[in-house]
């Protein structure tokens, strides 16, 4: 018999954008994991991208706010 899995997809990246200033620290990045620690979830998937940038440095995309120009 196959083991049942509980997969949790966190798509709250927009919420975390307004809670933490980019670039976020590792302790802040762990918050979504800490929120489900001790539950039946055994697989965590996190939506990390927005259309206007990533929350971490990347060679493949831009980091949120890097393309903003001062007034």
PDB file of N, CA and C in Angstrom:
ATOM      1  N   UNK A   1       0.844  -1.184   0.000  1.00  0.00           N
ATOM      2  CA  UNK A   1       0.000   0.000   0.000  1.00  0.00           C
ATOM      3  C   UNK A   1       0.891   1.250   0.000  1.00  0.00           C
ATOM      4  N   UNK A   2       0.532   2.192  -0.842  1.00  0.00           N
ATOM      5  CA  UNK A   2       1.303   3.434  -0.919  1.00  0.00           C
ATOM      6  C   UNK A   2       1.065   4.301   0.309  1.00  0.00           C
ATOM      7  N   UNK A   3       2.124   4.938   0.731  1.00  0.00           N
ATOM      8  CA  UNK A   3       2.017   5.863   1.858  1.00  0.00           C
ATOM      9  C   UNK A   3       1.293   7.128   1.413  1.00  0.00           C
ATOM     10  N   UNK A   4       0.348   7.574   2.189  1.00  0.00           N
ATOM     11  CA  UNK A   4      -0.360   8.817   1.885  1.00  0.00           C
ATOM     12  C   UNK A   4       0.535   9.993   2.212  1.00  0.00           C
ATOM     13  N   UNK A   5       0.449  11.013   1.386  1.00  0.00           N
ATOM     14  CA  UNK A   5       1.259  12.209   1.580  1.00  0.00           C
ATOM     15  C   UNK A   5       0.346  13.415   1.722  1.00  0.00           C
ATOM     16  N   UNK A   6       0.816  14.375   2.462  1.00  0.00           N
ATOM     17  CA  UNK A   6       0.119  15.649   2.569  1.00  0.00           C
ATOM     18  C   UNK A   6       1.048  16.712   2.003  1.00  0.00           C
ATOM     19  N   UNK A   7       0.651  17.280   0.876  1.00  0.00           N
ATOM     20  CA  UNK A   7       1.449  18.306   0.214  1.00  0.00           C
ATOM     21  C   UNK A   7       0.798  19.660   0.469  1.00  0.00           C
ATOM     22  N   UNK A   8       1.599  20.623   0.878  1.00  0.00           N
ATOM     23  CA  UNK A   8       1.102  21.967   1.168  1.00  0.00           C
ATOM     24  C   UNK A   8       1.774  22.954   0.222  1.00  0.00           C
ATOM     25  N   UNK A   9       0.984  23.659  -0.557  1.00  0.00           N
ATOM     26  CA  UNK A   9       1.521  24.696  -1.441  1.00  0.00           C
ATOM     27  C   UNK A   9       1.209  26.053  -0.836  1.00  0.00           C
ATOM     28  N   UNK A  10       2.238  26.806  -0.517  1.00  0.00           N
ATOM     29  CA  UNK A  10       2.081  28.133   0.065  1.00  0.00           C
ATOM     30  C   UNK A  10       2.247  29.161  -1.049  1.00  0.00           C
ATOM     31  N   UNK A  11       1.178  29.849  -1.360  1.00  0.00           N
ATOM     32  CA  UNK A  11       1.190  30.869  -2.405  1.00  0.00           C
ATOM     33  C   UNK A  11       1.068  32.266  -1.799  1.00  0.00           C
ATOM     34  N   UNK A  12       1.555  32.421  -0.570  1.00  0.00           N
ATOM     35  CA  UNK A  12       1.408  33.685   0.149  1.00  0.00           C
ATOM     36  C   UNK A  12       2.568  34.634  -0.103  1.00  0.00           C
ATOM     37  N   UNK A  13       3.248  34.484  -1.227  1.00  0.00           N
ATOM     38  CA  UNK A  13       4.412  35.330  -1.488  1.00  0.00           C
ATOM     39  C   UNK A  13       4.048  36.809  -1.491  1.00  0.00           C
ATOM     40  N   UNK A  14       2.838  37.145  -1.902  1.00  0.00           N
ATOM     41  CA  UNK A  14       2.425  38.545  -1.887  1.00  0.00           C
ATOM     42  C   UNK A  14       2.317  39.057  -0.450  1.00  0.00           C
ATOM     43  N   UNK A  15       1.802  38.221   0.451  1.00  0.00           N
ATOM     44  CA  UNK A  15       1.720  38.588   1.860  1.00  0.00           C
ATOM     45  C   UNK A  15       3.120  38.825   2.427  1.00  0.00           C
ATOM     46  N   UNK A  16       4.040  37.903   2.178  1.00  0.00           N
ATOM     47  CA  UNK A  16       5.389  38.039   2.722  1.00  0.00           C
ATOM     48  C   UNK A  16       6.123  39.228   2.128  1.00  0.00           C
ATOM     49  N   UNK A  17       5.756  39.643   0.939  1.00  0.00           N
ATOM     50  CA  UNK A  17       6.357  40.825   0.323  1.00  0.00           C
ATOM     51  C   UNK A  17       6.128  42.058   1.195  1.00  0.00           C
ATOM     52  N   UNK A  18       4.962  42.155   1.803  1.00  0.00           N
ATOM     53  CA  UNK A  18       4.635  43.328   2.609  1.00  0.00           C
ATOM     54  C   UNK A  18       5.018  43.169   4.075  1.00  0.00           C
ATOM     55  N   UNK A  19       5.348  41.955   4.499  1.00  0.00           N
ATOM     56  CA  UNK A  19       5.739  41.716   5.885  1.00  0.00           C
ATOM     57  C   UNK A  19       7.248  41.877   6.073  1.00  0.00           C
ATOM     58  N   UNK A  20       8.023  41.438   5.079  1.00  0.00           N
ATOM     59  CA  UNK A  20       9.482  41.468   5.177  1.00  0.00           C
ATOM     60  C   UNK A  20      10.064  42.323   4.062  1.00  0.00           C
ATOM     61  N   UNK A  21      11.076  43.116   4.402  1.00  0.00           N
ATOM     62  CA  UNK A  21      11.768  43.918   3.398  1.00  0.00           C
ATOM     63  C   UNK A  21      12.745  43.034   2.625  1.00  0.00           C
ATOM     64  N   UNK A  22      12.745  43.123   1.294  1.00  0.00           N
ATOM     65  CA  UNK A  22      13.718  42.334   0.543  1.00  0.00           C
ATOM     66  C   UNK A  22      15.116  42.936   0.657  1.00  0.00           C
ATOM     67  N   UNK A  23      16.148  42.146   0.585  1.00  0.00           N
ATOM     68  CA  UNK A  23      16.089  40.691   0.567  1.00  0.00           C
ATOM     69  C   UNK A  23      15.803  40.167   1.970  1.00  0.00           C
ATOM     70  N   UNK A  24      14.953  39.149   2.064  1.00  0.00           N
ATOM     71  CA  UNK A  24      14.594  38.624   3.376  1.00  0.00           C
ATOM     72  C   UNK A  24      15.743  37.806   3.953  1.00  0.00           C
ATOM     73  N   UNK A  25      15.787  37.761   5.270  1.00  0.00           N
ATOM     74  CA  UNK A  25      16.791  36.955   5.974  1.00  0.00           C
ATOM     75  C   UNK A  25      16.311  35.504   6.023  1.00  0.00           C
ATOM     76  N   UNK A  26      17.213  34.572   6.276  1.00  0.00           N
ATOM     77  CA  UNK A  26      16.841  33.155   6.338  1.00  0.00           C
ATOM     78  C   UNK A  26      15.780  32.904   7.407  1.00  0.00           C
ATOM     79  N   UNK A  27      15.890  33.570   8.551  1.00  0.00           N
ATOM     80  CA  UNK A  27      14.903  33.386   9.620  1.00  0.00           C
ATOM     81  C   UNK A  27      13.511  33.779   9.140  1.00  0.00           C
ATOM     82  N   UNK A  28      13.432  34.803   8.306  1.00  0.00           N
ATOM     83  CA  UNK A  28      12.145  35.234   7.759  1.00  0.00           C
ATOM     84  C   UNK A  28      11.654  34.247   6.699  1.00  0.00           C
ATOM     85  N   UNK A  29      12.569  33.699   5.932  1.00  0.00           N
ATOM     86  CA  UNK A  29      12.191  32.722   4.905  1.00  0.00           C
ATOM     87  C   UNK A  29      11.651  31.439   5.526  1.00  0.00           C
ATOM     88  N   UNK A  30      12.061  31.129   6.738  1.00  0.00           N
ATOM     89  CA  UNK A  30      11.599  29.909   7.405  1.00  0.00           C
ATOM     90  C   UNK A  30      10.202  30.049   7.999  1.00  0.00           C
ATOM     91  N   UNK A  31       9.661  31.253   8.105  1.00  0.00           N
ATOM     92  CA  UNK A  31       8.354  31.473   8.736  1.00  0.00           C
ATOM     93  C   UNK A  31       7.262  30.581   8.142  1.00  0.00           C
ATOM     94  N   UNK A  32       7.117  30.472   6.818  1.00  0.00           N
ATOM     95  CA  UNK A  32       6.063  29.602   6.285  1.00  0.00           C
ATOM     96  C   UNK A  32       6.223  28.136   6.702  1.00  0.00           C
ATOM     97  N   UNK A  33       7.451  27.670   6.847  1.00  0.00           N
ATOM     98  CA  UNK A  33       7.692  26.296   7.300  1.00  0.00           C
ATOM     99  C   UNK A  33       7.338  26.172   8.772  1.00  0.00           C
ATOM    100  N   UNK A  34       7.779  27.147   9.567  1.00  0.00           N
ATOM    101  CA  UNK A  34       7.488  27.118  10.999  1.00  0.00           C
ATOM    102  C   UNK A  34       5.987  27.101  11.264  1.00  0.00           C
ATOM    103  N   UNK A  35       5.211  27.762  10.408  1.00  0.00           N
ATOM    104  CA  UNK A  35       3.758  27.828  10.599  1.00  0.00           C
ATOM    105  C   UNK A  35       3.085  26.464  10.484  1.00  0.00           C
ATOM    106  N   UNK A  36       3.683  25.532   9.750  1.00  0.00           N
ATOM    107  CA  UNK A  36       3.058  24.213   9.589  1.00  0.00           C
ATOM    108  C   UNK A  36       3.833  23.109  10.304  1.00  0.00           C
ATOM    109  N   UNK A  37       4.885  23.482  11.014  1.00  0.00           N
ATOM    110  CA  UNK A  37       5.663  22.484  11.759  1.00  0.00           C
ATOM    111  C   UNK A  37       4.757  21.762  12.748  1.00  0.00           C
ATOM    112  N   UNK A  38       4.929  20.456  12.848  1.00  0.00           N
ATOM    113  CA  UNK A  38       4.135  19.664  13.779  1.00  0.00           C
ATOM    114  C   UNK A  38       2.796  19.215  13.222  1.00  0.00           C
ATOM    115  N   UNK A  39       2.505  19.541  11.961  1.00  0.00           N
ATOM    116  CA  UNK A  39       1.258  19.102  11.325  1.00  0.00           C
ATOM    117  C   UNK A  39       1.521  17.836  10.513  1.00  0.00           C
ATOM    118  N   UNK A  40       0.513  17.366   9.813  1.00  0.00           N
ATOM    119  CA  UNK A  40       0.643  16.160   8.986  1.00  0.00           C
ATOM    120  C   UNK A  40       1.344  16.430   7.658  1.00  0.00           C
ATOM    121  N   UNK A  41       1.699  17.671   7.382  1.00  0.00           N
ATOM    122  CA  UNK A  41       2.341  18.018   6.111  1.00  0.00           C
ATOM    123  C   UNK A  41       3.730  17.388   6.049  1.00  0.00           C
ATOM    124  N   UNK A  42       3.989  16.648   4.951  1.00  0.00           N
ATOM    125  CA  UNK A  42       5.323  16.074   4.778  1.00  0.00           C
ATOM    126  C   UNK A  42       6.029  16.587   3.527  1.00  0.00           C
ATOM    127  N   UNK A  43       5.327  17.380   2.716  1.00  0.00           N
ATOM    128  CA  UNK A  43       5.936  17.984   1.537  1.00  0.00           C
ATOM    129  C   UNK A  43       5.469  19.430   1.441  1.00  0.00           C
ATOM    130  N   UNK A  44       6.413  20.352   1.337  1.00  0.00           N
ATOM    131  CA  UNK A  44       6.097  21.780   1.287  1.00  0.00           C
ATOM    132  C   UNK A  44       6.550  22.342  -0.050  1.00  0.00           C
ATOM    133  N   UNK A  45       5.658  23.053  -0.707  1.00  0.00           N
ATOM    134  CA  UNK A  45       5.985  23.727  -1.962  1.00  0.00           C
ATOM    135  C   UNK A  45       5.656  25.204  -1.780  1.00  0.00           C
ATOM    136  N   UNK A  46       6.592  26.061  -2.151  1.00  0.00           N
ATOM    137  CA  UNK A  46       6.427  27.494  -1.904  1.00  0.00           C
ATOM    138  C   UNK A  46       6.524  28.268  -3.206  1.00  0.00           C
ATOM    139  N   UNK A  47       5.503  29.065  -3.509  1.00  0.00           N
ATOM    140  CA  UNK A  47       5.526  29.932  -4.689  1.00  0.00           C
ATOM    141  C   UNK A  47       6.418  31.125  -4.416  1.00  0.00           C
ATOM    142  N   UNK A  48       7.563  31.190  -5.081  1.00  0.00           N
ATOM    143  CA  UNK A  48       8.565  32.203  -4.741  1.00  0.00           C
ATOM    144  C   UNK A  48       8.657  33.365  -5.712  1.00  0.00           C
ATOM    145  N   UNK A  49       7.859  33.384  -6.733  1.00  0.00           N
ATOM    146  CA  UNK A  49       8.046  34.395  -7.767  1.00  0.00           C
ATOM    147  C   UNK A  49       6.802  35.242  -7.970  1.00  0.00           C
ATOM    148  N   UNK A  50       7.037  36.474  -8.342  1.00  0.00           N
ATOM    149  CA  UNK A  50       5.981  37.366  -8.810  1.00  0.00           C
ATOM    150  C   UNK A  50       6.349  37.765 -10.221  1.00  0.00           C
ATOM    151  N   UNK A  51       5.451  38.423 -10.896  1.00  0.00           N
ATOM    152  CA  UNK A  51       5.762  38.883 -12.238  1.00  0.00           C
ATOM    153  C   UNK A  51       6.835  39.957 -12.268  1.00  0.00           C
ATOM    154  N   UNK A  52       7.020  40.655 -11.141  1.00  0.00           N
ATOM    155  CA  UNK A  52       7.986  41.759 -11.112  1.00  0.00           C
ATOM    156  C   UNK A  52       9.256  41.431 -10.332  1.00  0.00           C
ATOM    157  N   UNK A  53       9.543  40.173 -10.132  1.00  0.00           N
ATOM    158  CA  UNK A  53      10.821  39.827  -9.527  1.00  0.00           C
ATOM    159  C   UNK A  53      10.752  38.739  -8.477  1.00  0.00           C
ATOM    160  N   UNK A  54      11.927  38.209  -8.180  1.00  0.00           N
ATOM    161  CA  UNK A  54      12.094  37.171  -7.172  1.00  0.00           C
ATOM    162  C   UNK A  54      12.474  37.807  -5.848  1.00  0.00           C
ATOM    163  N   UNK A  55      12.350  37.055  -4.767  1.00  0.00           N
ATOM    164  CA  UNK A  55      12.723  37.549  -3.450  1.00  0.00           C
ATOM    165  C   UNK A  55      14.154  37.175  -3.083  1.00  0.00           C
ATOM    166  N   UNK A  56      14.899  36.647  -4.027  1.00  0.00           N
ATOM    167  CA  UNK A  56      16.266  36.217  -3.770  1.00  0.00           C
ATOM    168  C   UNK A  56      17.106  36.484  -5.022  1.00  0.00           C
ATOM    169  N   UNK A  57      18.414  36.642  -4.863  1.00  0.00           N
ATOM    170  CA  UNK A  57      19.266  36.865  -6.035  1.00  0.00           C
ATOM    171  C   UNK A  57      19.220  35.650  -6.965  1.00  0.00           C
ATOM    172  N   UNK A  58      19.199  35.904  -8.257  1.00  0.00           N
ATOM    173  CA  UNK A  58      19.131  34.819  -9.238  1.00  0.00           C
ATOM    174  C   UNK A  58      19.848  35.224 -10.517  1.00  0.00           C
ATOM    175  N   UNK A  59      20.500  34.268 -11.152  1.00  0.00           N
ATOM    176  CA  UNK A  59      21.113  34.514 -12.449  1.00  0.00           C
ATOM    177  C   UNK A  59      20.077  34.413 -13.562  1.00  0.00           C
ATOM    178  N   UNK A  60      18.895  33.876 -13.262  1.00  0.00           N
ATOM    179  CA  UNK A  60      17.863  33.643 -14.270  1.00  0.00           C
ATOM    180  C   UNK A  60      16.779  34.709 -14.287  1.00  0.00           C
ATOM    181  N   UNK A  61      16.659  35.490 -13.234  1.00  0.00           N
ATOM    182  CA  UNK A  61      15.609  36.498 -13.163  1.00  0.00           C
ATOM    183  C   UNK A  61      16.083  37.715 -12.392  1.00  0.00           C
ATOM    184  N   UNK A  62      15.188  38.685 -12.251  1.00  0.00           N
ATOM    185  CA  UNK A  62      15.543  39.889 -11.494  1.00  0.00           C
ATOM    186  C   UNK A  62      15.012  39.775 -10.072  1.00  0.00           C
ATOM    187  N   UNK A  63      15.672  40.452  -9.161  1.00  0.00           N
ATOM    188  CA  UNK A  63      15.222  40.491  -7.782  1.00  0.00           C
ATOM    189  C   UNK A  63      14.222  41.628  -7.632  1.00  0.00           C
ATOM    190  N   UNK A  64      13.189  41.409  -6.840  1.00  0.00           N
ATOM    191  CA  UNK A  64      12.150  42.405  -6.641  1.00  0.00           C
ATOM    192  C   UNK A  64      12.774  43.739  -6.251  1.00  0.00           C
ATOM    193  N   UNK A  65      12.414  44.790  -6.960  1.00  0.00           N
ATOM    194  CA  UNK A  65      12.882  46.134  -6.662  1.00  0.00           C
ATOM    195  C   UNK A  65      14.141  46.549  -7.399  1.00  0.00           C
ATOM    196  N   UNK A  66      14.864  45.600  -7.994  1.00  0.00           N
ATOM    197  CA  UNK A  66      16.106  45.947  -8.693  1.00  0.00           C
ATOM    198  C   UNK A  66      15.877  46.836  -9.909  1.00  0.00           C
ATOM    199  N   UNK A  67      14.705  46.769 -10.485  1.00  0.00           N
ATOM    200  CA  UNK A  67      14.436  47.545 -11.700  1.00  0.00           C
ATOM    201  C   UNK A  67      13.735  48.873 -11.414  1.00  0.00           C
ATOM    202  N   UNK A  68      13.556  49.224 -10.141  1.00  0.00           N
ATOM    203  CA  UNK A  68      12.882  50.475  -9.795  1.00  0.00           C
ATOM    204  C   UNK A  68      13.826  51.654  -9.978  1.00  0.00           C
ATOM    205  N   UNK A  69      13.312  52.724 -10.520  1.00  0.00           N
ATOM    206  CA  UNK A  69      14.084  53.944 -10.727  1.00  0.00           C
ATOM    207  C   UNK A  69      13.626  54.998  -9.719  1.00  0.00           C
ATOM    208  N   UNK A  70      14.547  55.781  -9.144  1.00  0.00           N
ATOM    209  CA  UNK A  70      14.134  56.848  -8.225  1.00  0.00           C
ATOM    210  C   UNK A  70      13.366  57.937  -8.982  1.00  0.00           C
ATOM    211  N   UNK A  71      12.518  58.642  -8.253  1.00  0.00           N
ATOM    212  CA  UNK A  71      11.742  59.721  -8.868  1.00  0.00           C
ATOM    213  C   UNK A  71      12.630  60.883  -9.228  1.00  0.00           C
TER     214      UNK A  71
END
